[in-house]
């Protein structure tokens, strides 16, 4: 029997993690409720509301369930770690002979510029107004946002471009790798949404959560718009990796975009109910159709301006991926 490719193993691990988390969600919910109402920090984390007038107490299971999903995914990836040559894939994404700071800062600047253009668009159309944040508060939050953006950029780019994209390049070629890894990136980032539930046994809560993850107010259209925007962002990040032959520029752009978005929310308040289908929103800026145009322009322009790395000069050899290195069996 033919052994599944690394790409298929990675996809199977995602499906297993999601399925196991949703199947065991009733047990997780029941265990969680044994601690309620619990300490104040737990009530705040779950947005707990005590029951009134005979109605049961409620809390936001959707929010905490996503953290449970991450824990389950981590357990699955650790348990099946021998399926994937993690080290061989990631090492090629961080080549030693490279001007890391130049690539990183170019990515950060590009991400901040994209977020700034989006913010300027909202301000120019009268949809955002200056929130007048204090200088000390803004400086403190900026440091917090920068640390969070750095962590997100490093973690997600190492996984999605360093592992998923590179494995798919080897198995399926560059074009299908862009499509496949971008689709995975888009779908997983759409797992969102809150779900307020009453305390009590709910055997089908996993199915309810799955529907909540991928619909907004009962409609899948907002998430479909978000998936398109996320796919375009993933395409931009993949092209930057192909151009530079390293993960530093995608890490910088991803982190810069997260930082710029969070700072935008801190500095400005919404002054009008602008059409989110057209302009997106301050949380998921790529979900607006107008922002798709911005992303398409970025796809055409930003990779051409990015510094070219040594590995990128050999990207005709499948973006620097050598068959021998990546096909080495994992040893744990």
C-alpha atoms as a PDB file:
ATOM      1  CA  UNK A   1       0.000   0.000   0.000  1.00  0.00           C
ATOM      2  CA  UNK A   2       1.359   3.403  -1.002  1.00  0.00           C
ATOM      3  CA  UNK A   3       2.305   5.689   1.896  1.00  0.00           C
ATOM      4  CA  UNK A   4       0.357   8.992   1.917  1.00  0.00           C
ATOM      5  CA  UNK A   5       2.398  12.064   1.032  1.00  0.00           C
ATOM      6  CA  UNK A   6       3.504  14.465   3.748  1.00  0.00           C
ATOM      7  CA  UNK A   7       0.908  16.978   2.531  1.00  0.00           C
ATOM      8  CA  UNK A   8      -1.920  14.476   2.922  1.00  0.00           C
ATOM      9  CA  UNK A   9      -0.667  13.482   6.365  1.00  0.00           C
ATOM     10  CA  UNK A  10      -0.732  17.119   7.456  1.00  0.00           C
ATOM     11  CA  UNK A  11      -4.296  17.537   6.180  1.00  0.00           C
ATOM     12  CA  UNK A  12      -5.331  14.322   7.935  1.00  0.00           C
ATOM     13  CA  UNK A  13      -3.862  15.586  11.204  1.00  0.00           C
ATOM     14  CA  UNK A  14      -5.979  18.750  10.940  1.00  0.00           C
ATOM     15  CA  UNK A  15      -9.141  16.742  10.268  1.00  0.00           C
ATOM     16  CA  UNK A  16      -8.391  14.379  13.162  1.00  0.00           C
ATOM     17  CA  UNK A  17      -7.814  17.256  15.568  1.00  0.00           C
ATOM     18  CA  UNK A  18     -11.033  19.036  14.588  1.00  0.00           C
ATOM     19  CA  UNK A  19     -13.097  15.825  14.680  1.00  0.00           C
ATOM     20  CA  UNK A  20     -11.748  14.691  18.053  1.00  0.00           C
ATOM     21  CA  UNK A  21     -12.263  18.131  19.605  1.00  0.00           C
ATOM     22  CA  UNK A  22     -15.888  18.346  18.437  1.00  0.00           C
ATOM     23  CA  UNK A  23     -16.727  14.746  19.404  1.00  0.00           C
ATOM     24  CA  UNK A  24     -15.366  15.248  22.915  1.00  0.00           C
ATOM     25  CA  UNK A  25     -16.856  18.739  23.279  1.00  0.00           C
ATOM     26  CA  UNK A  26     -19.847  17.528  25.376  1.00  0.00           C
ATOM     27  CA  UNK A  27     -17.398  16.060  27.904  1.00  0.00           C
ATOM     28  CA  UNK A  28     -15.292  19.217  27.863  1.00  0.00           C
ATOM     29  CA  UNK A  29     -18.432  21.313  28.414  1.00  0.00           C
ATOM     30  CA  UNK A  30     -19.531  19.132  31.318  1.00  0.00           C
ATOM     31  CA  UNK A  31     -16.087  19.276  32.942  1.00  0.00           C
ATOM     32  CA  UNK A  32     -15.971  23.035  32.485  1.00  0.00           C
ATOM     33  CA  UNK A  33     -19.324  23.516  34.160  1.00  0.00           C
ATOM     34  CA  UNK A  34     -18.201  21.684  37.287  1.00  0.00           C
ATOM     35  CA  UNK A  35     -15.945  24.682  37.961  1.00  0.00           C
ATOM     36  CA  UNK A  36     -18.696  27.291  37.477  1.00  0.00           C
ATOM     37  CA  UNK A  37     -19.396  29.853  38.753  1.00  0.00           C
ATOM     38  CA  UNK A  38     -15.833  29.529  40.068  1.00  0.00           C
ATOM     39  CA  UNK A  39     -13.361  32.382  40.642  1.00  0.00           C
ATOM     40  CA  UNK A  40     -13.831  35.827  39.155  1.00  0.00           C
ATOM     41  CA  UNK A  41     -11.126  35.337  36.505  1.00  0.00           C
ATOM     42  CA  UNK A  42     -12.920  32.233  35.192  1.00  0.00           C
ATOM     43  CA  UNK A  43     -16.252  34.050  35.062  1.00  0.00           C
ATOM     44  CA  UNK A  44     -14.584  36.865  33.135  1.00  0.00           C
ATOM     45  CA  UNK A  45     -12.896  34.427  30.746  1.00  0.00           C
ATOM     46  CA  UNK A  46     -16.192  32.700  29.961  1.00  0.00           C
ATOM     47  CA  UNK A  47     -18.387  35.842  30.053  1.00  0.00           C
ATOM     48  CA  UNK A  48     -20.446  34.033  32.682  1.00  0.00           C
ATOM     49  CA  UNK A  49     -23.918  35.323  33.539  1.00  0.00           C
ATOM     50  CA  UNK A  50     -25.796  33.831  36.511  1.00  0.00           C
ATOM     51  CA  UNK A  51     -29.348  32.651  35.972  1.00  0.00           C
ATOM     52  CA  UNK A  52     -32.255  34.946  36.777  1.00  0.00           C
ATOM     53  CA  UNK A  53     -35.956  34.334  37.191  1.00  0.00           C
ATOM     54  CA  UNK A  54     -35.614  30.586  36.916  1.00  0.00           C
ATOM     55  CA  UNK A  55     -33.498  30.758  33.734  1.00  0.00           C
ATOM     56  CA  UNK A  56     -30.222  28.793  33.805  1.00  0.00           C
ATOM     57  CA  UNK A  57     -26.838  30.462  33.949  1.00  0.00           C
ATOM     58  CA  UNK A  58     -25.115  30.976  30.604  1.00  0.00           C
ATOM     59  CA  UNK A  59     -21.561  31.474  29.352  1.00  0.00           C
ATOM     60  CA  UNK A  60     -19.643  31.825  26.074  1.00  0.00           C
ATOM     61  CA  UNK A  61     -18.591  28.304  25.102  1.00  0.00           C
ATOM     62  CA  UNK A  62     -17.581  29.340  21.585  1.00  0.00           C
ATOM     63  CA  UNK A  63     -14.709  31.454  22.844  1.00  0.00           C
ATOM     64  CA  UNK A  64     -13.204  28.845  25.166  1.00  0.00           C
ATOM     65  CA  UNK A  65     -13.852  25.985  22.728  1.00  0.00           C
ATOM     66  CA  UNK A  66     -11.322  27.425  20.282  1.00  0.00           C
ATOM     67  CA  UNK A  67      -8.640  27.210  22.960  1.00  0.00           C
ATOM     68  CA  UNK A  68      -9.649  23.612  23.606  1.00  0.00           C
ATOM     69  CA  UNK A  69      -9.359  22.976  19.864  1.00  0.00           C
ATOM     70  CA  UNK A  70      -5.804  24.341  19.884  1.00  0.00           C
ATOM     71  CA  UNK A  71      -4.867  22.062  22.786  1.00  0.00           C
ATOM     72  CA  UNK A  72      -6.328  19.035  21.013  1.00  0.00           C
ATOM     73  CA  UNK A  73      -4.510  19.966  17.791  1.00  0.00           C
ATOM     74  CA  UNK A  74      -1.250  20.293  19.704  1.00  0.00           C
ATOM     75  CA  UNK A  75      -1.792  16.851  21.279  1.00  0.00           C
ATOM     76  CA  UNK A  76      -2.525  15.304  17.860  1.00  0.00           C
ATOM     77  CA  UNK A  77       0.546  16.898  16.280  1.00  0.00           C
ATOM     78  CA  UNK A  78       2.770  15.725  19.132  1.00  0.00           C
ATOM     79  CA  UNK A  79       1.289  12.234  19.093  1.00  0.00           C
ATOM     80  CA  UNK A  80       1.762  11.912  15.322  1.00  0.00           C
ATOM     81  CA  UNK A  81       5.005  13.867  15.116  1.00  0.00           C
ATOM     82  CA  UNK A  82       6.805  11.022  13.325  1.00  0.00           C
ATOM     83  CA  UNK A  83       4.469  11.433  10.350  1.00  0.00           C
ATOM     84  CA  UNK A  84       6.103  14.693   9.249  1.00  0.00           C
ATOM     85  CA  UNK A  85       9.800  15.683   8.835  1.00  0.00           C
ATOM     86  CA  UNK A  86       9.320  18.927  10.751  1.00  0.00           C
ATOM     87  CA  UNK A  87      13.001  19.739  11.120  1.00  0.00           C
ATOM     88  CA  UNK A  88      13.893  19.148   7.469  1.00  0.00           C
ATOM     89  CA  UNK A  89      11.034  21.366   6.318  1.00  0.00           C
ATOM     90  CA  UNK A  90      11.658  24.235   8.727  1.00  0.00           C
ATOM     91  CA  UNK A  91      15.448  24.383   8.342  1.00  0.00           C
ATOM     92  CA  UNK A  92      15.126  25.384   4.695  1.00  0.00           C
ATOM     93  CA  UNK A  93      12.909  28.307   5.708  1.00  0.00           C
ATOM     94  CA  UNK A  94      15.688  29.871   7.807  1.00  0.00           C
ATOM     95  CA  UNK A  95      18.811  29.801   5.620  1.00  0.00           C
ATOM     96  CA  UNK A  96      21.981  30.771   7.508  1.00  0.00           C
ATOM     97  CA  UNK A  97      23.548  33.025   4.837  1.00  0.00           C
ATOM     98  CA  UNK A  98      20.888  35.705   4.681  1.00  0.00           C
ATOM     99  CA  UNK A  99      20.513  39.338   5.757  1.00  0.00           C
ATOM    100  CA  UNK A 100      17.697  38.514   8.185  1.00  0.00           C
ATOM    101  CA  UNK A 101      17.116  42.050   9.454  1.00  0.00           C
ATOM    102  CA  UNK A 102      16.753  43.440   5.930  1.00  0.00           C
ATOM    103  CA  UNK A 103      14.157  40.837   4.982  1.00  0.00           C
ATOM    104  CA  UNK A 104      12.330  41.086   8.307  1.00  0.00           C
ATOM    105  CA  UNK A 105      12.077  44.872   8.310  1.00  0.00           C
ATOM    106  CA  UNK A 106      10.929  44.964   4.702  1.00  0.00           C
ATOM    107  CA  UNK A 107       8.081  42.617   5.637  1.00  0.00           C
ATOM    108  CA  UNK A 108       7.182  44.632   8.739  1.00  0.00           C
ATOM    109  CA  UNK A 109       7.117  47.859   6.749  1.00  0.00           C
ATOM    110  CA  UNK A 110       4.938  46.307   4.031  1.00  0.00           C
ATOM    111  CA  UNK A 111       2.456  44.965   6.605  1.00  0.00           C
ATOM    112  CA  UNK A 112       2.210  48.294   8.447  1.00  0.00           C
ATOM    113  CA  UNK A 113       1.783  50.173   5.159  1.00  0.00           C
ATOM    114  CA  UNK A 114      -1.088  47.894   4.097  1.00  0.00           C
ATOM    115  CA  UNK A 115      -2.834  48.386   7.460  1.00  0.00           C
ATOM    116  CA  UNK A 116      -2.240  52.147   7.231  1.00  0.00           C
ATOM    117  CA  UNK A 117      -3.750  52.333   3.733  1.00  0.00           C
ATOM    118  CA  UNK A 118      -6.821  50.492   4.994  1.00  0.00           C
ATOM    119  CA  UNK A 119      -7.141  52.816   7.994  1.00  0.00           C
ATOM    120  CA  UNK A 120      -6.729  55.873   5.786  1.00  0.00           C
ATOM    121  CA  UNK A 121      -9.507  54.568   3.540  1.00  0.00           C
ATOM    122  CA  UNK A 122     -11.887  54.246   6.484  1.00  0.00           C
ATOM    123  CA  UNK A 123     -10.984  57.673   7.856  1.00  0.00           C
ATOM    124  CA  UNK A 124     -11.331  59.306   4.429  1.00  0.00           C
ATOM    125  CA  UNK A 125     -14.808  57.836   3.996  1.00  0.00           C
ATOM    126  CA  UNK A 126     -15.856  59.115   7.433  1.00  0.00           C
ATOM    127  CA  UNK A 127     -16.216  55.650   8.979  1.00  0.00           C
ATOM    128  CA  UNK A 128     -13.546  56.029  11.649  1.00  0.00           C
ATOM    129  CA  UNK A 129     -12.770  58.901  13.991  1.00  0.00           C
ATOM    130  CA  UNK A 130      -9.794  59.685  16.219  1.00  0.00           C
ATOM    131  CA  UNK A 131     -10.272  58.036  19.622  1.00  0.00           C
ATOM    132  CA  UNK A 132      -7.794  60.370  21.382  1.00  0.00           C
ATOM    133  CA  UNK A 133      -5.900  57.657  23.281  1.00  0.00           C
ATOM    134  CA  UNK A 134      -3.454  58.805  25.942  1.00  0.00           C
ATOM    135  CA  UNK A 135       0.206  58.827  24.921  1.00  0.00           C
ATOM    136  CA  UNK A 136       1.317  56.536  27.774  1.00  0.00           C
ATOM    137  CA  UNK A 137      -1.559  54.114  27.226  1.00  0.00           C
ATOM    138  CA  UNK A 138      -0.884  54.031  23.500  1.00  0.00           C
ATOM    139  CA  UNK A 139       2.829  53.404  24.041  1.00  0.00           C
ATOM    140  CA  UNK A 140       2.119  50.586  26.492  1.00  0.00           C
ATOM    141  CA  UNK A 141      -0.396  48.918  24.226  1.00  0.00           C
ATOM    142  CA  UNK A 142       1.944  49.337  21.259  1.00  0.00           C
ATOM    143  CA  UNK A 143       4.579  47.259  23.033  1.00  0.00           C
ATOM    144  CA  UNK A 144       1.962  44.653  23.878  1.00  0.00           C
ATOM    145  CA  UNK A 145       0.735  44.592  20.274  1.00  0.00           C
ATOM    146  CA  UNK A 146       4.295  44.315  18.938  1.00  0.00           C
ATOM    147  CA  UNK A 147       5.092  41.296  21.118  1.00  0.00           C
ATOM    148  CA  UNK A 148       1.834  39.589  20.173  1.00  0.00           C
ATOM    149  CA  UNK A 149       2.355  40.325  16.471  1.00  0.00           C
ATOM    150  CA  UNK A 150       5.896  38.934  16.590  1.00  0.00           C
ATOM    151  CA  UNK A 151       4.674  35.719  18.198  1.00  0.00           C
ATOM    152  CA  UNK A 152       1.792  35.305  15.737  1.00  0.00           C
ATOM    153  CA  UNK A 153       3.963  36.047  12.707  1.00  0.00           C
ATOM    154  CA  UNK A 154       6.698  33.611  13.733  1.00  0.00           C
ATOM    155  CA  UNK A 155       4.351  30.803  14.780  1.00  0.00           C
ATOM    156  CA  UNK A 156       1.905  30.973  11.875  1.00  0.00           C
ATOM    157  CA  UNK A 157       4.469  31.510   9.127  1.00  0.00           C
ATOM    158  CA  UNK A 158       6.625  28.672  10.447  1.00  0.00           C
ATOM    159  CA  UNK A 159       3.582  26.406  10.277  1.00  0.00           C
ATOM    160  CA  UNK A 160       1.745  27.555   7.145  1.00  0.00           C
ATOM    161  CA  UNK A 161       4.606  28.616   4.864  1.00  0.00           C
ATOM    162  CA  UNK A 162       7.475  26.770   6.552  1.00  0.00           C
ATOM    163  CA  UNK A 163       5.716  23.398   6.821  1.00  0.00           C
ATOM    164  CA  UNK A 164       2.433  23.233   4.870  1.00  0.00           C
ATOM    165  CA  UNK A 165       3.497  25.251   1.839  1.00  0.00           C
ATOM    166  CA  UNK A 166       6.917  23.637   1.543  1.00  0.00           C
ATOM    167  CA  UNK A 167       5.522  20.122   1.876  1.00  0.00           C
ATOM    168  CA  UNK A 168       2.905  20.857  -0.780  1.00  0.00           C
ATOM    169  CA  UNK A 169       5.521  22.333  -3.124  1.00  0.00           C
ATOM    170  CA  UNK A 170       7.432  19.086  -2.970  1.00  0.00           C
ATOM    171  CA  UNK A 171       4.369  16.878  -3.330  1.00  0.00           C
ATOM    172  CA  UNK A 172       2.159  18.889  -5.719  1.00  0.00           C
ATOM    173  CA  UNK A 173       4.223  21.663  -7.302  1.00  0.00           C
ATOM    174  CA  UNK A 174       4.227  25.421  -6.717  1.00  0.00           C
ATOM    175  CA  UNK A 175       0.809  26.284  -8.181  1.00  0.00           C
ATOM    176  CA  UNK A 176      -1.132  23.677  -6.249  1.00  0.00           C
ATOM    177  CA  UNK A 177       0.934  24.417  -3.139  1.00  0.00           C
ATOM    178  CA  UNK A 178      -0.201  28.063  -3.271  1.00  0.00           C
ATOM    179  CA  UNK A 179      -3.824  26.939  -3.683  1.00  0.00           C
ATOM    180  CA  UNK A 180      -3.689  24.163  -1.095  1.00  0.00           C
ATOM    181  CA  UNK A 181      -1.787  25.957   1.664  1.00  0.00           C
ATOM    182  CA  UNK A 182      -3.785  29.154   1.086  1.00  0.00           C
ATOM    183  CA  UNK A 183      -7.055  27.239   1.420  1.00  0.00           C
ATOM    184  CA  UNK A 184      -5.921  25.607   4.670  1.00  0.00           C
ATOM    185  CA  UNK A 185      -4.825  29.003   5.998  1.00  0.00           C
ATOM    186  CA  UNK A 186      -8.180  30.571   5.088  1.00  0.00           C
ATOM    187  CA  UNK A 187     -10.380  27.804   6.492  1.00  0.00           C
ATOM    188  CA  UNK A 188      -8.533  27.510   9.807  1.00  0.00           C
ATOM    189  CA  UNK A 189      -8.554  31.276  10.344  1.00  0.00           C
ATOM    190  CA  UNK A 190     -12.328  31.330   9.863  1.00  0.00           C
ATOM    191  CA  UNK A 191     -12.850  29.226  12.977  1.00  0.00           C
ATOM    192  CA  UNK A 192     -14.379  31.983  15.062  1.00  0.00           C
ATOM    193  CA  UNK A 193     -17.605  33.169  16.613  1.00  0.00           C
ATOM    194  CA  UNK A 194     -19.073  33.109  20.073  1.00  0.00           C
ATOM    195  CA  UNK A 195     -21.769  30.743  21.278  1.00  0.00           C
ATOM    196  CA  UNK A 196     -23.575  31.492  24.531  1.00  0.00           C
ATOM    197  CA  UNK A 197     -24.953  28.285  26.027  1.00  0.00           C
ATOM    198  CA  UNK A 198     -26.868  27.394  29.201  1.00  0.00           C
ATOM    199  CA  UNK A 199     -25.396  25.111  31.799  1.00  0.00           C
ATOM    200  CA  UNK A 200     -26.517  21.535  31.203  1.00  0.00           C
ATOM    201  CA  UNK A 201     -25.729  18.367  29.263  1.00  0.00           C
ATOM    202  CA  UNK A 202     -25.628  18.943  25.484  1.00  0.00           C
ATOM    203  CA  UNK A 203     -24.672  15.808  23.499  1.00  0.00           C
ATOM    204  CA  UNK A 204     -24.847  17.581  20.111  1.00  0.00           C
ATOM    205  CA  UNK A 205     -22.917  20.681  21.148  1.00  0.00           C
ATOM    206  CA  UNK A 206     -20.025  19.753  18.833  1.00  0.00           C
ATOM    207  CA  UNK A 207     -22.226  20.033  15.730  1.00  0.00           C
ATOM    208  CA  UNK A 208     -23.642  23.326  16.948  1.00  0.00           C
ATOM    209  CA  UNK A 209     -20.157  24.714  17.459  1.00  0.00           C
ATOM    210  CA  UNK A 210     -19.032  23.559  14.010  1.00  0.00           C
ATOM    211  CA  UNK A 211     -21.898  25.512  12.454  1.00  0.00           C
ATOM    212  CA  UNK A 212     -21.077  28.530  14.616  1.00  0.00           C
ATOM    213  CA  UNK A 213     -17.428  28.473  13.561  1.00  0.00           C
ATOM    214  CA  UNK A 214     -18.257  28.934   9.885  1.00  0.00           C
ATOM    215  CA  UNK A 215     -21.362  31.107   9.871  1.00  0.00           C
ATOM    216  CA  UNK A 216     -22.133  34.636  11.014  1.00  0.00           C
ATOM    217  CA  UNK A 217     -25.698  35.299  12.150  1.00  0.00           C
ATOM    218  CA  UNK A 218     -26.789  32.106  10.397  1.00  0.00           C
ATOM    219  CA  UNK A 219     -25.266  33.036   7.032  1.00  0.00           C
ATOM    220  CA  UNK A 220     -22.009  31.676   5.562  1.00  0.00           C
ATOM    221  CA  UNK A 221     -21.504  34.707   3.280  1.00  0.00           C
ATOM    222  CA  UNK A 222     -19.402  36.814   5.715  1.00  0.00           C
ATOM    223  CA  UNK A 223     -17.090  33.867   6.298  1.00  0.00           C
ATOM    224  CA  UNK A 224     -16.874  33.185   2.572  1.00  0.00           C
ATOM    225  CA  UNK A 225     -15.800  36.783   2.017  1.00  0.00           C
ATOM    226  CA  UNK A 226     -13.267  36.407   4.801  1.00  0.00           C
ATOM    227  CA  UNK A 227     -11.941  33.174   3.276  1.00  0.00           C
ATOM    228  CA  UNK A 228     -11.361  34.911  -0.059  1.00  0.00           C
ATOM    229  CA  UNK A 229      -9.447  37.716   1.645  1.00  0.00           C
ATOM    230  CA  UNK A 230      -7.414  35.277   3.736  1.00  0.00           C
ATOM    231  CA  UNK A 231      -6.603  33.236   0.645  1.00  0.00           C
ATOM    232  CA  UNK A 232      -5.301  36.375  -1.087  1.00  0.00           C
ATOM    233  CA  UNK A 233      -3.200  37.199   1.980  1.00  0.00           C
ATOM    234  CA  UNK A 234      -1.809  33.643   2.032  1.00  0.00           C
ATOM    235  CA  UNK A 235      -0.970  33.955  -1.665  1.00  0.00           C
ATOM    236  CA  UNK A 236       0.962  37.155  -0.989  1.00  0.00           C
ATOM    237  CA  UNK A 237       2.882  35.493   1.851  1.00  0.00           C
ATOM    238  CA  UNK A 238       3.677  32.438  -0.286  1.00  0.00           C
ATOM    239  CA  UNK A 239       4.947  34.630  -3.147  1.00  0.00           C
ATOM    240  CA  UNK A 240       7.157  36.512  -0.713  1.00  0.00           C
ATOM    241  CA  UNK A 241       8.607  33.211   0.432  1.00  0.00           C
ATOM    242  CA  UNK A 242       9.235  32.198  -3.180  1.00  0.00           C
ATOM    243  CA  UNK A 243      10.874  35.556  -3.892  1.00  0.00           C
ATOM    244  CA  UNK A 244      13.153  35.620  -0.855  1.00  0.00           C
ATOM    245  CA  UNK A 245      13.726  31.910  -0.284  1.00  0.00           C
ATOM    246  CA  UNK A 246      13.219  32.420   3.462  1.00  0.00           C
ATOM    247  CA  UNK A 247      10.453  32.937   6.013  1.00  0.00           C
ATOM    248  CA  UNK A 248      11.711  36.238   7.422  1.00  0.00           C
ATOM    249  CA  UNK A 249       9.838  38.508   4.993  1.00  0.00           C
ATOM    250  CA  UNK A 250       6.487  36.656   5.371  1.00  0.00           C
ATOM    251  CA  UNK A 251       6.975  36.692   9.153  1.00  0.00           C
ATOM    252  CA  UNK A 252       7.570  40.439   9.057  1.00  0.00           C
ATOM    253  CA  UNK A 253       4.580  41.183   6.829  1.00  0.00           C
ATOM    254  CA  UNK A 254       2.253  38.957   8.853  1.00  0.00           C
ATOM    255  CA  UNK A 255       3.406  40.511  12.112  1.00  0.00           C
ATOM    256  CA  UNK A 256       3.306  44.044  10.708  1.00  0.00           C
ATOM    257  CA  UNK A 257      -0.246  43.563   9.484  1.00  0.00           C
ATOM    258  CA  UNK A 258      -1.373  42.219  12.872  1.00  0.00           C
ATOM    259  CA  UNK A 259       0.374  45.091  14.676  1.00  0.00           C
ATOM    260  CA  UNK A 260      -1.093  47.716  12.355  1.00  0.00           C
ATOM    261  CA  UNK A 261      -4.597  46.303  12.680  1.00  0.00           C
ATOM    262  CA  UNK A 262      -4.500  46.189  16.472  1.00  0.00           C
ATOM    263  CA  UNK A 263      -3.086  49.715  16.666  1.00  0.00           C
ATOM    264  CA  UNK A 264      -5.831  50.891  14.309  1.00  0.00           C
ATOM    265  CA  UNK A 265      -8.481  49.586  16.712  1.00  0.00           C
ATOM    266  CA  UNK A 266      -6.816  51.390  19.603  1.00  0.00           C
ATOM    267  CA  UNK A 267      -6.398  54.734  17.843  1.00  0.00           C
ATOM    268  CA  UNK A 268      -9.767  55.035  16.091  1.00  0.00           C
ATOM    269  CA  UNK A 269     -13.434  54.520  16.895  1.00  0.00           C
ATOM    270  CA  UNK A 270     -16.170  53.635  14.457  1.00  0.00           C
ATOM    271  CA  UNK A 271     -18.233  56.713  13.626  1.00  0.00           C
ATOM    272  CA  UNK A 272     -20.629  55.162  11.131  1.00  0.00           C
ATOM    273  CA  UNK A 273     -22.110  51.781  10.276  1.00  0.00           C
ATOM    274  CA  UNK A 274     -20.013  51.288   7.170  1.00  0.00           C
ATOM    275  CA  UNK A 275     -20.776  48.329   4.886  1.00  0.00           C
ATOM    276  CA  UNK A 276     -18.498  45.551   6.134  1.00  0.00           C
ATOM    277  CA  UNK A 277     -19.111  43.553   2.943  1.00  0.00           C
ATOM    278  CA  UNK A 278     -17.331  46.359   1.067  1.00  0.00           C
ATOM    279  CA  UNK A 279     -14.723  47.626   3.542  1.00  0.00           C
ATOM    280  CA  UNK A 280     -14.303  44.716   5.915  1.00  0.00           C
ATOM    281  CA  UNK A 281     -13.952  45.616   9.572  1.00  0.00           C
ATOM    282  CA  UNK A 282     -11.221  46.550  11.987  1.00  0.00           C
ATOM    283  CA  UNK A 283     -10.775  42.947  13.160  1.00  0.00           C
ATOM    284  CA  UNK A 284     -10.762  41.084   9.841  1.00  0.00           C
ATOM    285  CA  UNK A 285      -9.677  43.769   7.424  1.00  0.00           C
ATOM    286  CA  UNK A 286      -9.367  41.351   4.493  1.00  0.00           C
ATOM    287  CA  UNK A 287     -13.070  40.458   4.556  1.00  0.00           C
ATOM    288  CA  UNK A 288     -14.174  43.470   2.494  1.00  0.00           C
ATOM    289  CA  UNK A 289     -14.420  43.339  -1.277  1.00  0.00           C
ATOM    290  CA  UNK A 290     -12.594  46.662  -1.633  1.00  0.00           C
ATOM    291  CA  UNK A 291      -9.732  45.245   0.434  1.00  0.00           C
ATOM    292  CA  UNK A 292      -9.490  42.326  -1.991  1.00  0.00           C
ATOM    293  CA  UNK A 293      -8.439  44.888  -4.579  1.00  0.00           C
ATOM    294  CA  UNK A 294      -5.780  46.188  -2.189  1.00  0.00           C
ATOM    295  CA  UNK A 295      -4.519  42.632  -1.661  1.00  0.00           C
ATOM    296  CA  UNK A 296      -4.406  41.974  -5.409  1.00  0.00           C
ATOM    297  CA  UNK A 297      -2.329  45.116  -5.918  1.00  0.00           C
ATOM    298  CA  UNK A 298      -0.049  44.006  -3.086  1.00  0.00           C
ATOM    299  CA  UNK A 299       0.336  40.572  -4.723  1.00  0.00           C
ATOM    300  CA  UNK A 300       1.480  42.263  -7.933  1.00  0.00           C
ATOM    301  CA  UNK A 301       3.747  44.872  -6.326  1.00  0.00           C
ATOM    302  CA  UNK A 302       5.166  43.764  -2.963  1.00  0.00           C
ATOM    303  CA  UNK A 303       6.982  40.566  -4.066  1.00  0.00           C
ATOM    304  CA  UNK A 304       8.688  42.509  -6.859  1.00  0.00           C
ATOM    305  CA  UNK A 305      10.030  45.022  -4.329  1.00  0.00           C
ATOM    306  CA  UNK A 306      11.108  42.430  -1.760  1.00  0.00           C
ATOM    307  CA  UNK A 307      14.836  41.708  -1.420  1.00  0.00           C
ATOM    308  CA  UNK A 308      15.816  38.527  -3.221  1.00  0.00           C
ATOM    309  CA  UNK A 309      17.565  35.913  -1.090  1.00  0.00           C
ATOM    310  CA  UNK A 310      20.215  33.380  -2.123  1.00  0.00           C
ATOM    311  CA  UNK A 311      17.736  30.486  -2.143  1.00  0.00           C
ATOM    312  CA  UNK A 312      15.298  32.446  -4.295  1.00  0.00           C
ATOM    313  CA  UNK A 313      17.899  32.658  -7.050  1.00  0.00           C
ATOM    314  CA  UNK A 314      17.516  28.915  -7.287  1.00  0.00           C
ATOM    315  CA  UNK A 315      13.763  28.791  -6.891  1.00  0.00           C
ATOM    316  CA  UNK A 316      13.458  27.036 -10.229  1.00  0.00           C
ATOM    317  CA  UNK A 317      14.543  24.081  -8.115  1.00  0.00           C
ATOM    318  CA  UNK A 318      11.125  24.199  -6.427  1.00  0.00           C
ATOM    319  CA  UNK A 319      11.731  27.307  -4.257  1.00  0.00           C
ATOM    320  CA  UNK A 320      14.913  25.883  -2.750  1.00  0.00           C
ATOM    321  CA  UNK A 321      13.328  22.594  -1.663  1.00  0.00           C
ATOM    322  CA  UNK A 322      15.568  19.619  -2.340  1.00  0.00           C
ATOM    323  CA  UNK A 323      13.883  16.282  -2.777  1.00  0.00           C
ATOM    324  CA  UNK A 324      16.568  14.557  -0.769  1.00  0.00           C
ATOM    325  CA  UNK A 325      16.346  16.848   2.276  1.00  0.00           C
ATOM    326  CA  UNK A 326      12.583  16.903   2.618  1.00  0.00           C
ATOM    327  CA  UNK A 327      12.083  13.234   1.892  1.00  0.00           C
ATOM    328  CA  UNK A 328      14.266  12.226   4.807  1.00  0.00           C
ATOM    329  CA  UNK A 329      12.079  10.178   7.202  1.00  0.00           C
ATOM    330  CA  UNK A 330      11.296  11.922  10.454  1.00  0.00           C
ATOM    331  CA  UNK A 331      12.854  10.433  13.552  1.00  0.00           C
ATOM    332  CA  UNK A 332      10.762  12.244  16.120  1.00  0.00           C
END
